[in-house]
N, C-alpha and C. Protein backbone atom coordinates (compact mmCIF):
# COMPACT_ATOMS: atom_id res chain seq x y z
N MET A 1 -31.99 2.15 -38.25
CA MET A 1 -31.61 2.06 -37.76
C MET A 1 -30.54 3.51 -37.70
N PRO A 2 -30.15 4.97 -36.95
CA PRO A 2 -29.77 5.67 -36.56
C PRO A 2 -28.20 5.64 -37.48
N THR A 3 -27.12 6.19 -37.90
CA THR A 3 -26.39 5.88 -37.73
C THR A 3 -25.23 7.48 -37.74
N ILE A 4 -23.91 6.96 -37.24
CA ILE A 4 -22.49 8.27 -37.08
C ILE A 4 -22.23 8.38 -37.43
N VAL A 5 -21.43 9.52 -37.34
CA VAL A 5 -20.09 9.48 -38.07
C VAL A 5 -18.60 10.22 -37.03
N LYS A 6 -17.74 9.42 -37.32
CA LYS A 6 -17.13 9.49 -36.02
C LYS A 6 -15.78 9.60 -36.57
N HIS A 7 -13.81 10.60 -36.19
CA HIS A 7 -13.48 10.86 -37.12
C HIS A 7 -12.82 10.19 -36.01
N LEU A 8 -11.45 9.72 -36.72
CA LEU A 8 -10.03 8.97 -35.61
C LEU A 8 -9.13 9.30 -36.22
N LEU A 9 -7.43 10.16 -34.68
CA LEU A 9 -6.59 10.17 -34.86
C LEU A 9 -5.75 9.09 -34.22
N ILE A 10 -5.01 8.17 -34.91
CA ILE A 10 -4.65 7.33 -34.05
C ILE A 10 -2.99 7.84 -34.08
N PHE A 11 -2.09 7.04 -32.92
CA PHE A 11 -1.11 7.51 -32.24
C PHE A 11 0.09 7.16 -31.67
N GLY A 12 1.12 6.64 -32.06
CA GLY A 12 2.20 5.32 -31.85
C GLY A 12 2.32 4.75 -33.04
N ARG A 13 2.80 3.62 -33.13
CA ARG A 13 3.74 2.41 -34.23
C ARG A 13 2.71 2.14 -34.54
N VAL A 14 2.06 2.66 -35.74
CA VAL A 14 0.78 2.46 -37.03
C VAL A 14 0.94 2.56 -38.56
N GLN A 15 2.35 3.40 -38.31
CA GLN A 15 3.16 3.34 -40.17
C GLN A 15 3.69 2.22 -40.16
N GLY A 16 3.51 1.59 -41.64
CA GLY A 16 4.63 0.31 -41.99
C GLY A 16 3.73 -1.14 -40.89
N VAL A 17 2.44 -0.91 -40.32
CA VAL A 17 2.27 -1.75 -39.10
C VAL A 17 1.08 -2.75 -39.89
N TYR A 18 0.91 -2.52 -41.47
CA TYR A 18 -0.60 -3.10 -41.92
C TYR A 18 -2.11 -2.32 -41.64
N TYR A 19 -1.56 -1.47 -40.10
CA TYR A 19 -2.68 -1.18 -39.69
C TYR A 19 -3.79 -0.24 -40.70
N ARG A 20 -3.63 0.24 -41.98
CA ARG A 20 -4.56 1.02 -42.70
C ARG A 20 -5.51 -0.83 -43.27
N ALA A 21 -4.70 -1.39 -43.50
CA ALA A 21 -5.35 -2.25 -44.06
C ALA A 21 -6.26 -3.31 -43.47
N SER A 22 -5.89 -3.71 -42.26
CA SER A 22 -6.33 -4.22 -41.17
C SER A 22 -7.97 -3.47 -40.93
N MET A 23 -7.43 -2.25 -40.47
CA MET A 23 -8.33 -1.05 -40.36
C MET A 23 -9.76 -1.30 -41.29
N THR A 24 -9.44 -1.23 -42.75
CA THR A 24 -10.45 -1.21 -43.99
C THR A 24 -11.16 -2.62 -43.80
N GLU A 25 -10.31 -4.08 -43.61
CA GLU A 25 -11.09 -5.10 -43.42
C GLU A 25 -11.95 -5.28 -41.77
N GLN A 26 -10.85 -5.01 -41.29
CA GLN A 26 -12.42 -5.09 -39.79
C GLN A 26 -13.41 -3.73 -40.30
N ALA A 27 -13.36 -2.74 -40.06
CA ALA A 27 -14.28 -2.01 -40.78
C ALA A 27 -16.04 -2.80 -42.04
N GLN A 28 -15.23 -3.30 -43.02
CA GLN A 28 -15.97 -3.73 -44.30
C GLN A 28 -16.77 -5.64 -42.93
N ALA A 29 -15.81 -5.88 -42.65
CA ALA A 29 -16.91 -7.01 -41.80
C ALA A 29 -17.66 -7.06 -41.34
N LEU A 30 -17.88 -4.99 -40.39
CA LEU A 30 -18.53 -4.50 -39.23
C LEU A 30 -20.15 -3.73 -40.31
N GLY A 31 -19.37 -3.73 -41.99
CA GLY A 31 -20.45 -2.92 -42.62
C GLY A 31 -20.26 -1.76 -42.13
N VAL A 32 -19.06 -1.45 -42.01
CA VAL A 32 -18.96 0.60 -41.69
C VAL A 32 -17.74 1.07 -42.87
N THR A 33 -18.61 2.75 -43.48
CA THR A 33 -17.85 3.07 -44.04
C THR A 33 -17.25 3.72 -44.05
N GLY A 34 -16.55 4.47 -44.77
CA GLY A 34 -15.15 5.28 -44.60
C GLY A 34 -14.13 5.13 -45.61
N TRP A 35 -12.99 6.27 -44.28
CA TRP A 35 -11.71 5.96 -45.69
C TRP A 35 -10.49 5.70 -43.68
N VAL A 36 -9.01 5.16 -44.44
CA VAL A 36 -8.51 5.87 -43.59
C VAL A 36 -7.26 6.31 -43.95
N ARG A 37 -5.78 6.60 -44.14
CA ARG A 37 -4.66 7.25 -44.57
C ARG A 37 -4.09 7.42 -43.30
N ASN A 38 -2.75 7.27 -43.84
CA ASN A 38 -1.46 7.30 -43.15
C ASN A 38 -1.50 9.38 -43.58
N ARG A 39 -0.63 9.88 -42.20
CA ARG A 39 -0.43 11.11 -41.96
C ARG A 39 0.88 11.34 -42.31
N LEU A 40 1.76 12.94 -42.79
CA LEU A 40 2.28 13.18 -42.92
C LEU A 40 3.43 13.08 -41.22
N ASP A 41 2.45 13.30 -40.66
CA ASP A 41 3.20 13.38 -39.14
C ASP A 41 3.28 12.08 -38.16
N GLY A 42 3.38 10.75 -38.81
CA GLY A 42 3.70 9.54 -38.46
C GLY A 42 2.15 8.67 -37.77
N SER A 43 0.98 9.82 -37.64
CA SER A 43 0.08 8.63 -37.68
C SER A 43 -0.79 8.38 -38.57
N VAL A 44 -2.61 8.21 -38.21
CA VAL A 44 -3.42 7.38 -39.15
C VAL A 44 -4.70 8.07 -39.33
N GLU A 45 -5.16 8.73 -39.54
CA GLU A 45 -6.64 9.23 -39.68
C GLU A 45 -7.75 8.40 -40.31
N ALA A 46 -8.66 8.22 -39.68
CA ALA A 46 -9.60 7.66 -40.12
C ALA A 46 -11.41 8.17 -40.87
N LEU A 47 -12.28 8.57 -40.90
CA LEU A 47 -13.71 8.66 -40.77
C LEU A 47 -14.53 7.12 -40.47
N ALA A 48 -15.18 7.18 -39.42
CA ALA A 48 -16.03 5.87 -39.35
C ALA A 48 -17.88 6.71 -39.85
N GLU A 49 -18.38 5.65 -40.85
CA GLU A 49 -19.51 5.96 -41.00
C GLU A 49 -20.60 3.93 -40.05
N GLY A 50 -21.42 4.38 -39.26
CA GLY A 50 -22.42 3.31 -39.38
C GLY A 50 -23.47 3.30 -38.24
N THR A 51 -23.73 2.29 -37.82
CA THR A 51 -24.90 2.33 -36.25
C THR A 51 -23.82 3.00 -35.64
N PRO A 52 -24.40 3.43 -34.13
CA PRO A 52 -23.54 2.98 -33.22
C PRO A 52 -22.25 3.23 -32.35
N GLN A 53 -23.23 0.95 -32.56
CA GLN A 53 -22.74 0.04 -32.43
C GLN A 53 -21.67 -0.85 -33.20
N ALA A 54 -21.42 -0.38 -34.82
CA ALA A 54 -20.70 -1.15 -35.18
C ALA A 54 -19.22 0.38 -35.60
N VAL A 55 -20.03 1.22 -35.10
CA VAL A 55 -18.76 2.20 -35.42
C VAL A 55 -17.70 1.77 -34.09
N GLY A 56 -18.44 1.81 -32.92
CA GLY A 56 -17.55 1.59 -31.58
C GLY A 56 -17.19 0.45 -31.70
N GLN A 57 -17.44 0.05 -32.45
CA GLN A 57 -16.52 -1.14 -31.88
C GLN A 57 -15.50 -1.20 -32.76
N LEU A 58 -15.72 -0.68 -34.26
CA LEU A 58 -14.20 -0.80 -35.12
C LEU A 58 -13.16 0.47 -34.12
N VAL A 59 -13.94 1.83 -33.42
CA VAL A 59 -13.16 2.50 -32.06
C VAL A 59 -12.71 1.33 -31.60
N GLU A 60 -13.22 0.80 -30.98
CA GLU A 60 -12.85 -0.24 -29.62
C GLU A 60 -11.88 -1.18 -30.34
N TRP A 61 -11.79 -1.80 -31.60
CA TRP A 61 -10.23 -2.44 -32.46
C TRP A 61 -9.16 -1.15 -32.64
N ALA A 62 -9.29 -0.43 -32.96
CA ALA A 62 -8.46 1.05 -33.38
C ALA A 62 -7.43 0.88 -32.33
N ARG A 63 -8.26 0.62 -30.66
CA ARG A 63 -7.52 1.73 -29.91
C ARG A 63 -6.78 0.29 -29.79
N GLN A 64 -6.22 -0.60 -29.92
CA GLN A 64 -5.71 -2.10 -30.56
C GLN A 64 -4.87 -2.37 -31.74
N GLY A 65 -5.23 -2.66 -32.89
CA GLY A 65 -4.59 -2.80 -34.01
C GLY A 65 -4.41 -3.66 -34.53
N PRO A 66 -3.34 -3.87 -35.29
CA PRO A 66 -2.72 -5.40 -35.56
C PRO A 66 -1.34 -5.73 -35.16
N ARG A 67 -1.37 -6.87 -34.50
CA ARG A 67 -0.59 -7.04 -33.74
C ARG A 67 0.47 -6.92 -34.16
N GLN A 68 1.06 -5.79 -35.02
CA GLN A 68 1.94 -5.37 -35.18
C GLN A 68 2.19 -3.92 -34.80
N ALA A 69 1.13 -3.47 -34.59
CA ALA A 69 1.60 -2.18 -33.69
C ALA A 69 1.50 -1.56 -32.82
N ARG A 70 2.07 -0.84 -31.91
CA ARG A 70 1.20 -0.18 -30.71
C ARG A 70 0.71 1.22 -30.80
N VAL A 71 -0.06 1.07 -30.37
CA VAL A 71 -1.31 2.00 -29.54
C VAL A 71 -1.61 2.67 -28.73
N ASP A 72 -0.68 4.03 -28.87
CA ASP A 72 -0.37 4.96 -28.15
C ASP A 72 -1.75 5.43 -27.42
N ARG A 73 -2.36 5.85 -28.50
CA ARG A 73 -3.36 6.82 -28.32
C ARG A 73 -4.48 7.00 -29.48
N VAL A 74 -5.51 7.29 -29.21
CA VAL A 74 -6.69 7.39 -30.53
C VAL A 74 -7.46 8.44 -29.35
N ASP A 75 -7.23 9.04 -30.48
CA ASP A 75 -8.37 10.94 -30.64
C ASP A 75 -9.71 10.46 -31.41
N VAL A 76 -11.09 10.54 -29.81
CA VAL A 76 -12.37 10.47 -31.22
C VAL A 76 -12.62 11.41 -31.12
N SER A 77 -13.57 12.39 -32.26
CA SER A 77 -13.86 13.14 -32.21
C SER A 77 -15.64 12.91 -33.56
N ASP A 78 -16.43 14.12 -33.03
CA ASP A 78 -17.65 13.31 -34.11
C ASP A 78 -16.85 14.36 -35.80
N GLY A 79 -17.60 12.99 -36.30
CA GLY A 79 -17.13 13.67 -37.53
C GLY A 79 -17.93 13.98 -38.25
N THR A 80 -18.39 14.46 -40.41
CA THR A 80 -19.25 15.49 -40.24
C THR A 80 -20.28 14.27 -40.39
N ASP A 81 -21.85 15.46 -40.87
CA ASP A 81 -22.96 14.91 -40.76
C ASP A 81 -23.03 13.59 -41.68
N PRO A 82 -23.36 12.80 -41.02
CA PRO A 82 -23.90 11.71 -41.49
C PRO A 82 -24.67 11.51 -43.02
N ARG A 83 -25.48 12.25 -43.16
CA ARG A 83 -25.67 11.85 -44.81
C ARG A 83 -24.52 12.16 -45.70
N THR A 84 -23.96 11.91 -45.19
CA THR A 84 -22.42 12.07 -46.12
C THR A 84 -22.48 10.80 -46.89
N ALA A 85 -22.93 10.00 -46.32
CA ALA A 85 -22.80 9.11 -46.94
C ALA A 85 -21.58 8.23 -48.32
N PHE A 86 -21.25 7.38 -47.56
CA PHE A 86 -19.80 6.64 -48.32
C PHE A 86 -20.43 5.46 -48.57
N SER A 87 -19.69 5.23 -49.96
CA SER A 87 -20.27 3.94 -50.36
C SER A 87 -18.83 3.40 -49.92
N GLY A 88 -18.35 1.49 -49.02
CA GLY A 88 -17.40 1.57 -48.88
C GLY A 88 -16.40 1.76 -47.67
N PHE A 89 -15.56 1.26 -47.60
CA PHE A 89 -14.11 1.75 -46.59
C PHE A 89 -13.42 1.65 -47.22
N VAL A 90 -12.63 2.45 -47.59
CA VAL A 90 -10.98 2.53 -48.52
C VAL A 90 -9.84 3.33 -48.32
N GLN A 91 -8.55 3.17 -48.50
CA GLN A 91 -7.78 3.32 -48.32
C GLN A 91 -7.18 4.49 -48.74
N ARG A 92 -6.65 6.02 -48.28
CA ARG A 92 -7.06 7.06 -49.13
C ARG A 92 -4.76 7.01 -48.77
N PRO A 93 -4.62 8.11 -50.15
CA PRO A 93 -3.20 8.68 -49.74
C PRO A 93 -2.93 9.31 -48.84
N THR A 94 -2.01 9.33 -48.88
CA THR A 94 -1.23 9.96 -47.78
C THR A 94 -1.61 11.54 -47.47
N ALA A 95 -1.84 12.12 -46.71
CA ALA A 95 -1.74 13.95 -46.60
C ALA A 95 -1.55 14.45 -45.63
């Protein structure tokens, strides 16, 4: 099955509400690899690699996030070449 990579920027009340940990759990459950991190501007950034269906489900989840979050907007664009082959889905330091 083909693999795609999507870059997400998530805006709203998305820091300090268990967003990164929840996204990591969701990605792992879907078999999506990549990473998620807080950004200095208060947003969250993620790179997700997997099947189109699994990545699509993660993007849809990102539009809601965990219960404590308030997601105002999710910008989605094509990510890097899928041959980067991440191993797992991890939380990265704030950047």
